[in-house]
Amino acid sequence: MTMKRTLHPYLIIAYILVIHWKRLHFLWRTTIRWPTRLILSLILTLFISKIELRIGQTRIVRVNRTSLCYVLVMELKAVVTRHTRFITNAPRTVRIVARR
């Protein structure tokens, strides 16, 4: 009995995120304009219930719907204040750690 092993699309996305985290984050902040960022954040809020990725050795990105709403609020705040730094001191539910 052979089991057909398929690579889950979320695994591929997770792999891309982990490998190209810094580059993707830079592109997210520079090339994608803020309305698009907000729309993408909304899509993430609607469709993703939980993401758990391991970045490096101890960096864990853990996101659920409420924390994605928090990310959305932070995006709005970034738009208002022209603040370009990513979230580093987020609540316990959101532990999104920038590389530096």
PDB file of N, CA and C in Angstrom:
ATOM      1  N   MET A   1       0.842  -1.191   0.000  1.00  0.00           N
ATOM      2  CA  MET A   1       0.000   0.000   0.000  1.00  0.00           C
ATOM      3  C   MET A   1       0.884   1.250   0.000  1.00  0.00           C
ATOM      4  N   THR A   2       0.836   1.979  -1.082  1.00  0.00           N
ATOM      5  CA  THR A   2       1.666   3.182  -1.180  1.00  0.00           C
ATOM      6  C   THR A   2       0.815   4.424  -0.947  1.00  0.00           C
ATOM      7  N   MET A   3       1.337   5.304  -0.102  1.00  0.00           N
ATOM      8  CA  MET A   3       0.627   6.554   0.171  1.00  0.00           C
ATOM      9  C   MET A   3       1.169   7.653  -0.729  1.00  0.00           C
ATOM     10  N   LYS A   4       0.259   8.339  -1.360  1.00  0.00           N
ATOM     11  CA  LYS A   4       0.662   9.432  -2.246  1.00  0.00           C
ATOM     12  C   LYS A   4       0.963  10.676  -1.400  1.00  0.00           C
ATOM     13  N   ARG A   5       2.220  11.113  -1.452  1.00  0.00           N
ATOM     14  CA  ARG A   5       2.608  12.281  -0.659  1.00  0.00           C
ATOM     15  C   ARG A   5       2.549  13.535  -1.521  1.00  0.00           C
ATOM     16  N   THR A   6       1.711  14.468  -1.107  1.00  0.00           N
ATOM     17  CA  THR A   6       1.615  15.730  -1.842  1.00  0.00           C
ATOM     18  C   THR A   6       2.117  16.859  -0.956  1.00  0.00           C
ATOM     19  N   LEU A   7       2.785  17.813  -1.565  1.00  0.00           N
ATOM     20  CA  LEU A   7       3.298  18.956  -0.826  1.00  0.00           C
ATOM     21  C   LEU A   7       2.178  19.977  -0.665  1.00  0.00           C
ATOM     22  N   HIS A   8       1.846  20.243   0.576  1.00  0.00           N
ATOM     23  CA  HIS A   8       0.762  21.172   0.868  1.00  0.00           C
ATOM     24  C   HIS A   8       1.151  22.593   0.460  1.00  0.00           C
ATOM     25  N   PRO A   9       0.224  23.344  -0.164  1.00  0.00           N
ATOM     26  CA  PRO A   9       0.548  24.718  -0.586  1.00  0.00           C
ATOM     27  C   PRO A   9       1.007  25.621   0.556  1.00  0.00           C
ATOM     28  N   TYR A  10       0.438  25.406   1.759  1.00  0.00           N
ATOM     29  CA  TYR A  10       0.850  26.200   2.918  1.00  0.00           C
ATOM     30  C   TYR A  10       2.308  25.942   3.282  1.00  0.00           C
ATOM     31  N   LEU A  11       2.747  24.698   3.081  1.00  0.00           N
ATOM     32  CA  LEU A  11       4.147  24.358   3.353  1.00  0.00           C
ATOM     33  C   LEU A  11       5.076  25.092   2.406  1.00  0.00           C
ATOM     34  N   ILE A  12       4.660  25.193   1.144  1.00  0.00           N
ATOM     35  CA  ILE A  12       5.457  25.910   0.145  1.00  0.00           C
ATOM     36  C   ILE A  12       5.545  27.386   0.518  1.00  0.00           C
ATOM     37  N   ILE A  13       4.404  27.974   0.907  1.00  0.00           N
ATOM     38  CA  ILE A  13       4.367  29.376   1.320  1.00  0.00           C
ATOM     39  C   ILE A  13       5.253  29.590   2.547  1.00  0.00           C
ATOM     40  N   ALA A  14       5.141  28.660   3.504  1.00  0.00           N
ATOM     41  CA  ALA A  14       5.954  28.749   4.715  1.00  0.00           C
ATOM     42  C   ALA A  14       7.438  28.687   4.381  1.00  0.00           C
ATOM     43  N   TYR A  15       7.795  27.787   3.475  1.00  0.00           N
ATOM     44  CA  TYR A  15       9.187  27.631   3.051  1.00  0.00           C
ATOM     45  C   TYR A  15       9.712  28.928   2.432  1.00  0.00           C
ATOM     46  N   ILE A  16       8.922  29.514   1.519  1.00  0.00           N
ATOM     47  CA  ILE A  16       9.309  30.770   0.862  1.00  0.00           C
ATOM     48  C   ILE A  16       9.477  31.880   1.898  1.00  0.00           C
ATOM     49  N   LEU A  17       8.538  31.944   2.851  1.00  0.00           N
ATOM     50  CA  LEU A  17       8.606  32.967   3.892  1.00  0.00           C
ATOM     51  C   LEU A  17       9.852  32.828   4.751  1.00  0.00           C
ATOM     52  N   VAL A  18      10.158  31.596   5.121  1.00  0.00           N
ATOM     53  CA  VAL A  18      11.311  31.368   5.987  1.00  0.00           C
ATOM     54  C   VAL A  18      12.616  31.681   5.264  1.00  0.00           C
ATOM     55  N   ILE A  19      12.722  31.236   4.015  1.00  0.00           N
ATOM     56  CA  ILE A  19      13.965  31.421   3.272  1.00  0.00           C
ATOM     57  C   ILE A  19      14.181  32.885   2.881  1.00  0.00           C
ATOM     58  N   HIS A  20      13.128  33.515   2.390  1.00  0.00           N
ATOM     59  CA  HIS A  20      13.284  34.872   1.854  1.00  0.00           C
ATOM     60  C   HIS A  20      12.617  35.925   2.732  1.00  0.00           C
ATOM     61  N   TRP A  21      12.632  35.698   4.055  1.00  0.00           N
ATOM     62  CA  TRP A  21      11.928  36.575   4.990  1.00  0.00           C
ATOM     63  C   TRP A  21      12.326  38.038   4.856  1.00  0.00           C
ATOM     64  N   LYS A  22      13.646  38.294   4.902  1.00  0.00           N
ATOM     65  CA  LYS A  22      14.131  39.681   4.864  1.00  0.00           C
ATOM     66  C   LYS A  22      13.796  40.360   3.542  1.00  0.00           C
ATOM     67  N   ARG A  23      14.016  39.657   2.460  1.00  0.00           N
ATOM     68  CA  ARG A  23      13.750  40.212   1.131  1.00  0.00           C
ATOM     69  C   ARG A  23      12.255  40.503   0.951  1.00  0.00           C
ATOM     70  N   LEU A  24      11.414  39.550   1.364  1.00  0.00           N
ATOM     71  CA  LEU A  24       9.967  39.728   1.249  1.00  0.00           C
ATOM     72  C   LEU A  24       9.483  40.901   2.093  1.00  0.00           C
ATOM     73  N   HIS A  25      10.053  41.001   3.300  1.00  0.00           N
ATOM     74  CA  HIS A  25       9.657  42.084   4.189  1.00  0.00           C
ATOM     75  C   HIS A  25      10.056  43.436   3.607  1.00  0.00           C
ATOM     76  N   PHE A  26      11.247  43.488   3.006  1.00  0.00           N
ATOM     77  CA  PHE A  26      11.725  44.721   2.371  1.00  0.00           C
ATOM     78  C   PHE A  26      10.809  45.107   1.209  1.00  0.00           C
ATOM     79  N   LEU A  27      10.447  44.111   0.388  1.00  0.00           N
ATOM     80  CA  LEU A  27       9.543  44.355  -0.740  1.00  0.00           C
ATOM     81  C   LEU A  27       8.168  44.810  -0.254  1.00  0.00           C
ATOM     82  N   TRP A  28       7.708  44.169   0.828  1.00  0.00           N
ATOM     83  CA  TRP A  28       6.409  44.501   1.421  1.00  0.00           C
ATOM     84  C   TRP A  28       6.367  45.962   1.838  1.00  0.00           C
ATOM     85  N   ARG A  29       7.480  46.436   2.409  1.00  0.00           N
ATOM     86  CA  ARG A  29       7.528  47.803   2.908  1.00  0.00           C
ATOM     87  C   ARG A  29       7.815  48.846   1.828  1.00  0.00           C
ATOM     88  N   THR A  30       8.510  48.450   0.759  1.00  0.00           N
ATOM     89  CA  THR A  30       8.952  49.449  -0.214  1.00  0.00           C
ATOM     90  C   THR A  30       8.129  49.445  -1.498  1.00  0.00           C
ATOM     91  N   THR A  31       8.013  48.282  -2.148  1.00  0.00           N
ATOM     92  CA  THR A  31       7.393  48.254  -3.475  1.00  0.00           C
ATOM     93  C   THR A  31       5.870  48.208  -3.430  1.00  0.00           C
ATOM     94  N   ILE A  32       5.317  47.497  -2.441  1.00  0.00           N
ATOM     95  CA  ILE A  32       3.856  47.409  -2.351  1.00  0.00           C
ATOM     96  C   ILE A  32       3.338  48.674  -1.663  1.00  0.00           C
ATOM     97  N   ARG A  33       2.454  49.385  -2.341  1.00  0.00           N
ATOM     98  CA  ARG A  33       1.911  50.621  -1.761  1.00  0.00           C
ATOM     99  C   ARG A  33       0.888  50.292  -0.672  1.00  0.00           C
ATOM    100  N   TRP A  34       0.644  51.272   0.205  1.00  0.00           N
ATOM    101  CA  TRP A  34      -0.152  50.994   1.394  1.00  0.00           C
ATOM    102  C   TRP A  34      -1.583  50.527   1.149  1.00  0.00           C
ATOM    103  N   PRO A  35      -2.315  51.002   0.115  1.00  0.00           N
ATOM    104  CA  PRO A  35      -3.671  50.448  -0.059  1.00  0.00           C
ATOM    105  C   PRO A  35      -3.647  48.947  -0.350  1.00  0.00           C
ATOM    106  N   THR A  36      -2.670  48.554  -1.166  1.00  0.00           N
ATOM    107  CA  THR A  36      -2.517  47.128  -1.493  1.00  0.00           C
ATOM    108  C   THR A  36      -2.169  46.331  -0.244  1.00  0.00           C
ATOM    109  N   ARG A  37      -1.292  46.904   0.599  1.00  0.00           N
ATOM    110  CA  ARG A  37      -0.902  46.240   1.843  1.00  0.00           C
ATOM    111  C   ARG A  37      -2.111  46.020   2.736  1.00  0.00           C
ATOM    112  N   LEU A  38      -2.974  47.036   2.826  1.00  0.00           N
ATOM    113  CA  LEU A  38      -4.173  46.915   3.655  1.00  0.00           C
ATOM    114  C   LEU A  38      -5.117  45.853   3.116  1.00  0.00           C
ATOM    115  N   ILE A  39      -5.283  45.828   1.800  1.00  0.00           N
ATOM    116  CA  ILE A  39      -6.153  44.828   1.167  1.00  0.00           C
ATOM    117  C   ILE A  39      -5.607  43.425   1.419  1.00  0.00           C
ATOM    118  N   LEU A  40      -4.292  43.261   1.248  1.00  0.00           N
ATOM    119  CA  LEU A  40      -3.656  41.962   1.489  1.00  0.00           C
ATOM    120  C   LEU A  40      -3.798  41.544   2.944  1.00  0.00           C
ATOM    121  N   SER A  41      -3.664  42.500   3.861  1.00  0.00           N
ATOM    122  CA  SER A  41      -3.842  42.206   5.284  1.00  0.00           C
ATOM    123  C   SER A  41      -5.264  41.750   5.578  1.00  0.00           C
ATOM    124  N   LEU A  42      -6.234  42.403   4.936  1.00  0.00           N
ATOM    125  CA  LEU A  42      -7.636  42.008   5.103  1.00  0.00           C
ATOM    126  C   LEU A  42      -7.875  40.593   4.595  1.00  0.00           C
ATOM    127  N   ILE A  43      -7.289  40.281   3.436  1.00  0.00           N
ATOM    128  CA  ILE A  43      -7.421  38.932   2.869  1.00  0.00           C
ATOM    129  C   ILE A  43      -6.831  37.901   3.827  1.00  0.00           C
ATOM    130  N   LEU A  44      -5.658  38.220   4.380  1.00  0.00           N
ATOM    131  CA  LEU A  44      -5.030  37.335   5.359  1.00  0.00           C
ATOM    132  C   LEU A  44      -5.927  37.148   6.570  1.00  0.00           C
ATOM    133  N   THR A  45      -6.513  38.245   7.047  1.00  0.00           N
ATOM    134  CA  THR A  45      -7.396  38.178   8.212  1.00  0.00           C
ATOM    135  C   THR A  45      -8.592  37.274   7.952  1.00  0.00           C
ATOM    136  N   LEU A  46      -9.129  37.358   6.741  1.00  0.00           N
ATOM    137  CA  LEU A  46     -10.302  36.557   6.410  1.00  0.00           C
ATOM    138  C   LEU A  46      -9.978  35.080   6.244  1.00  0.00           C
ATOM    139  N   PHE A  47      -8.875  34.778   5.564  1.00  0.00           N
ATOM    140  CA  PHE A  47      -8.654  33.395   5.149  1.00  0.00           C
ATOM    141  C   PHE A  47      -7.707  32.582   6.030  1.00  0.00           C
ATOM    142  N   ILE A  48      -6.835  33.252   6.760  1.00  0.00           N
ATOM    143  CA  ILE A  48      -5.876  32.481   7.552  1.00  0.00           C
ATOM    144  C   ILE A  48      -6.310  32.491   9.008  1.00  0.00           C
ATOM    145  N   SER A  49      -6.495  31.329   9.575  1.00  0.00           N
ATOM    146  CA  SER A  49      -6.865  31.267  10.986  1.00  0.00           C
ATOM    147  C   SER A  49      -5.625  31.217  11.863  1.00  0.00           C
ATOM    148  N   LYS A  50      -4.620  30.494  11.444  1.00  0.00           N
ATOM    149  CA  LYS A  50      -3.391  30.424  12.237  1.00  0.00           C
ATOM    150  C   LYS A  50      -2.202  30.077  11.352  1.00  0.00           C
ATOM    151  N   ILE A  51      -1.137  30.866  11.513  1.00  0.00           N
ATOM    152  CA  ILE A  51       0.114  30.550  10.819  1.00  0.00           C
ATOM    153  C   ILE A  51       1.149  30.323  11.902  1.00  0.00           C
ATOM    154  N   GLU A  52       1.894  29.264  11.766  1.00  0.00           N
ATOM    155  CA  GLU A  52       2.973  29.055  12.707  1.00  0.00           C
ATOM    156  C   GLU A  52       4.219  28.686  11.924  1.00  0.00           C
ATOM    157  N   LEU A  53       5.194  29.569  11.941  1.00  0.00           N
ATOM    158  CA  LEU A  53       6.418  29.350  11.177  1.00  0.00           C
ATOM    159  C   LEU A  53       7.614  29.407  12.102  1.00  0.00           C
ATOM    160  N   ARG A  54       8.638  28.670  11.736  1.00  0.00           N
ATOM    161  CA  ARG A  54       9.864  28.733  12.504  1.00  0.00           C
ATOM    162  C   ARG A  54      10.894  29.473  11.669  1.00  0.00           C
ATOM    163  N   ILE A  55      11.322  30.624  12.144  1.00  0.00           N
ATOM    164  CA  ILE A  55      12.305  31.423  11.430  1.00  0.00           C
ATOM    165  C   ILE A  55      13.589  31.400  12.240  1.00  0.00           C
ATOM    166  N   GLY A  56      14.664  30.931  11.627  1.00  0.00           N
ATOM    167  CA  GLY A  56      15.916  30.784  12.356  1.00  0.00           C
ATOM    168  C   GLY A  56      15.787  29.640  13.331  1.00  0.00           C
ATOM    169  N   GLN A  57      16.259  29.839  14.559  1.00  0.00           N
ATOM    170  CA  GLN A  57      16.192  28.774  15.550  1.00  0.00           C
ATOM    171  C   GLN A  57      15.127  29.038  16.603  1.00  0.00           C
ATOM    172  N   THR A  58      15.031  30.272  17.064  1.00  0.00           N
ATOM    173  CA  THR A  58      14.071  30.553  18.133  1.00  0.00           C
ATOM    174  C   THR A  58      12.970  31.504  17.702  1.00  0.00           C
ATOM    175  N   ARG A  59      13.064  32.023  16.476  1.00  0.00           N
ATOM    176  CA  ARG A  59      12.059  32.985  16.025  1.00  0.00           C
ATOM    177  C   ARG A  59      10.809  32.237  15.570  1.00  0.00           C
ATOM    178  N   ILE A  60       9.708  32.517  16.200  1.00  0.00           N
ATOM    179  CA  ILE A  60       8.458  31.869  15.803  1.00  0.00           C
ATOM    180  C   ILE A  60       7.437  32.953  15.468  1.00  0.00           C
ATOM    181  N   VAL A  61       6.848  32.850  14.306  1.00  0.00           N
ATOM    182  CA  VAL A  61       5.776  33.765  13.934  1.00  0.00           C
ATOM    183  C   VAL A  61       4.473  33.010  14.144  1.00  0.00           C
ATOM    184  N   ARG A  62       3.663  33.526  15.030  1.00  0.00           N
ATOM    185  CA  ARG A  62       2.409  32.849  15.346  1.00  0.00           C
ATOM    186  C   ARG A  62       1.287  33.869  15.185  1.00  0.00           C
ATOM    187  N   VAL A  63       0.405  33.607  14.262  1.00  0.00           N
ATOM    188  CA  VAL A  63      -0.632  34.581  13.936  1.00  0.00           C
ATOM    189  C   VAL A  63      -2.000  33.912  13.956  1.00  0.00           C
ATOM    190  N   ASN A  64      -2.954  34.535  14.613  1.00  0.00           N
ATOM    191  CA  ASN A  64      -4.344  34.101  14.476  1.00  0.00           C
ATOM    192  C   ASN A  64      -5.178  35.299  14.029  1.00  0.00           C
ATOM    193  N   ARG A  65      -6.475  35.156  13.946  1.00  0.00           N
ATOM    194  CA  ARG A  65      -7.298  36.226  13.368  1.00  0.00           C
ATOM    195  C   ARG A  65      -7.219  37.532  14.134  1.00  0.00           C
ATOM    196  N   THR A  66      -7.255  37.448  15.461  1.00  0.00           N
ATOM    197  CA  THR A  66      -7.203  38.682  16.257  1.00  0.00           C
ATOM    198  C   THR A  66      -5.870  39.388  16.074  1.00  0.00           C
ATOM    199  N   SER A  67      -4.803  38.610  16.031  1.00  0.00           N
ATOM    200  CA  SER A  67      -3.493  39.220  15.869  1.00  0.00           C
ATOM    201  C   SER A  67      -3.310  39.782  14.468  1.00  0.00           C
ATOM    202  N   LEU A  68      -3.965  39.175  13.469  1.00  0.00           N
ATOM    203  CA  LEU A  68      -3.920  39.735  12.122  1.00  0.00           C
ATOM    204  C   LEU A  68      -4.653  41.070  12.078  1.00  0.00           C
ATOM    205  N   CYS A  69      -5.717  41.178  12.868  1.00  0.00           N
ATOM    206  CA  CYS A  69      -6.397  42.468  12.991  1.00  0.00           C
ATOM    207  C   CYS A  69      -5.441  43.489  13.597  1.00  0.00           C
ATOM    208  N   TYR A  70      -4.654  43.045  14.582  1.00  0.00           N
ATOM    209  CA  TYR A  70      -3.652  43.915  15.205  1.00  0.00           C
ATOM    210  C   TYR A  70      -2.620  44.359  14.175  1.00  0.00           C
ATOM    211  N   VAL A  71      -2.183  43.421  13.329  1.00  0.00           N
ATOM    212  CA  VAL A  71      -1.235  43.735  12.260  1.00  0.00           C
ATOM    213  C   VAL A  71      -1.840  44.773  11.316  1.00  0.00           C
ATOM    214  N   LEU A  72      -3.127  44.611  11.018  1.00  0.00           N
ATOM    215  CA  LEU A  72      -3.836  45.550  10.149  1.00  0.00           C
ATOM    216  C   LEU A  72      -3.857  46.950  10.757  1.00  0.00           C
ATOM    217  N   VAL A  73      -4.124  47.009  12.068  1.00  0.00           N
ATOM    218  CA  VAL A  73      -4.114  48.286  12.785  1.00  0.00           C
ATOM    219  C   VAL A  73      -2.726  48.914  12.733  1.00  0.00           C
ATOM    220  N   MET A  74      -1.695  48.074  12.912  1.00  0.00           N
ATOM    221  CA  MET A  74      -0.322  48.564  12.857  1.00  0.00           C
ATOM    222  C   MET A  74       0.026  49.069  11.458  1.00  0.00           C
ATOM    223  N   GLU A  75      -0.531  48.420  10.437  1.00  0.00           N
ATOM    224  CA  GLU A  75      -0.324  48.880   9.061  1.00  0.00           C
ATOM    225  C   GLU A  75      -0.925  50.273   8.882  1.00  0.00           C
ATOM    226  N   LEU A  76      -2.145  50.465   9.398  1.00  0.00           N
ATOM    227  CA  LEU A  76      -2.797  51.773   9.333  1.00  0.00           C
ATOM    228  C   LEU A  76      -1.977  52.826  10.069  1.00  0.00           C
ATOM    229  N   LYS A  77      -1.477  52.430  11.239  1.00  0.00           N
ATOM    230  CA  LYS A  77      -0.656  53.333  12.044  1.00  0.00           C
ATOM    231  C   LYS A  77       0.623  53.699  11.293  1.00  0.00           C
ATOM    232  N   ALA A  78       1.194  52.704  10.618  1.00  0.00           N
ATOM    233  CA  ALA A  78       2.405  52.939   9.828  1.00  0.00           C
ATOM    234  C   ALA A  78       2.130  53.914   8.687  1.00  0.00           C
ATOM    235  N   VAL A  79       0.938  53.788   8.095  1.00  0.00           N
ATOM    236  CA  VAL A  79       0.548  54.702   7.017  1.00  0.00           C
ATOM    237  C   VAL A  79       0.421  56.125   7.564  1.00  0.00           C
ATOM    238  N   VAL A  80      -0.226  56.235   8.721  1.00  0.00           N
ATOM    239  CA  VAL A  80      -0.466  57.548   9.319  1.00  0.00           C
ATOM    240  C   VAL A  80       0.843  58.207   9.759  1.00  0.00           C
ATOM    241  N   THR A  81       1.676  57.447  10.433  1.00  0.00           N
ATOM    242  CA  THR A  81       2.884  58.039  11.022  1.00  0.00           C
ATOM    243  C   THR A  81       4.111  57.931  10.126  1.00  0.00           C
ATOM    244  N   ARG A  82       3.947  57.344   8.936  1.00  0.00           N
ATOM    245  CA  ARG A  82       5.073  57.102   8.025  1.00  0.00           C
ATOM    246  C   ARG A  82       6.167  56.280   8.707  1.00  0.00           C
ATOM    247  N   HIS A  83       5.715  55.412   9.561  1.00  0.00           N
ATOM    248  CA  HIS A  83       6.632  54.580  10.333  1.00  0.00           C
ATOM    249  C   HIS A  83       6.944  53.336   9.520  1.00  0.00           C
ATOM    250  N   THR A  84       8.215  53.081   9.255  1.00  0.00           N
ATOM    251  CA  THR A  84       8.565  51.989   8.345  1.00  0.00           C
ATOM    252  C   THR A  84       9.054  50.735   9.055  1.00  0.00           C
ATOM    253  N   ARG A  85       9.251  50.804  10.366  1.00  0.00           N
ATOM    254  CA  ARG A  85       9.755  49.653  11.099  1.00  0.00           C
ATOM    255  C   ARG A  85       8.635  48.639  11.337  1.00  0.00           C
ATOM    256  N   PHE A  86       9.002  47.374  11.280  1.00  0.00           N
ATOM    257  CA  PHE A  86       8.008  46.314  11.471  1.00  0.00           C
ATOM    258  C   PHE A  86       7.715  46.128  12.955  1.00  0.00           C
ATOM    259  N   ILE A  87       6.654  45.441  13.262  1.00  0.00           N
ATOM    260  CA  ILE A  87       6.240  45.245  14.652  1.00  0.00           C
ATOM    261  C   ILE A  87       7.287  44.425  15.402  1.00  0.00           C
ATOM    262  N   THR A  88       7.771  44.971  16.517  1.00  0.00           N
ATOM    263  CA  THR A  88       8.700  44.202  17.345  1.00  0.00           C
ATOM    264  C   THR A  88       8.127  43.980  18.738  1.00  0.00           C
ATOM    265  N   ASN A  89       7.368  44.951  19.240  1.00  0.00           N
ATOM    266  CA  ASN A  89       6.779  44.782  20.572  1.00  0.00           C
ATOM    267  C   ASN A  89       5.266  44.636  20.448  1.00  0.00           C
ATOM    268  N   ALA A  90       4.867  43.460  20.041  1.00  0.00           N
ATOM    269  CA  ALA A  90       3.455  43.158  19.847  1.00  0.00           C
ATOM    270  C   ALA A  90       2.948  42.357  21.046  1.00  0.00           C
ATOM    271  N   PRO A  91       1.621  42.220  21.183  1.00  0.00           N
ATOM    272  CA  PRO A  91       1.087  41.383  22.271  1.00  0.00           C
ATOM    273  C   PRO A  91       1.535  39.927  22.164  1.00  0.00           C
ATOM    274  N   ARG A  92       1.194  39.157  23.184  1.00  0.00           N
ATOM    275  CA  ARG A  92       1.655  37.777  23.252  1.00  0.00           C
ATOM    276  C   ARG A  92       1.121  36.939  22.096  1.00  0.00           C
ATOM    277  N   THR A  93      -0.094  37.248  21.636  1.00  0.00           N
ATOM    278  CA  THR A  93      -0.667  36.477  20.528  1.00  0.00           C
ATOM    279  C   THR A  93       0.088  36.713  19.233  1.00  0.00           C
ATOM    280  N   VAL A  94       0.630  37.924  19.083  1.00  0.00           N
ATOM    281  CA  VAL A  94       1.415  38.225  17.886  1.00  0.00           C
ATOM    282  C   VAL A  94       2.862  38.299  18.304  1.00  0.00           C
ATOM    283  N   ARG A  95       3.645  37.341  17.860  1.00  0.00           N
ATOM    284  CA  ARG A  95       5.072  37.453  18.119  1.00  0.00           C
ATOM    285  C   ARG A  95       5.751  37.496  16.773  1.00  0.00           C
ATOM    286  N   ILE A  96       5.684  38.643  16.136  1.00  0.00           N
ATOM    287  CA  ILE A  96       6.330  38.802  14.848  1.00  0.00           C
ATOM    288  C   ILE A  96       7.642  39.516  15.107  1.00  0.00           C
ATOM    289  N   VAL A  97       8.703  38.809  14.909  1.00  0.00           N
ATOM    290  CA  VAL A  97      10.011  39.345  15.276  1.00  0.00           C
ATOM    291  C   VAL A  97      10.774  39.677  14.013  1.00  0.00           C
ATOM    292  N   ALA A  98      11.214  40.899  13.919  1.00  0.00           N
ATOM    293  CA  ALA A  98      12.048  41.284  12.785  1.00  0.00           C
ATOM    294  C   ALA A  98      13.443  40.698  12.977  1.00  0.00           C
ATOM    295  N   ARG A  99      14.165  40.557  11.890  1.00  0.00           N
ATOM    296  CA  ARG A  99      15.473  39.921  11.966  1.00  0.00           C
ATOM    297  C   ARG A  99      16.491  40.725  12.774  1.00  0.00           C
ATOM    298  N   ARG A 100      16.458  42.067  12.648  1.00  0.00           N
ATOM    299  CA  ARG A 100      17.428  42.867  13.393  1.00  0.00           C
ATOM    300  C   ARG A 100      16.791  43.475  14.621  1.00  0.00           C
TER     301      ARG A 100
END
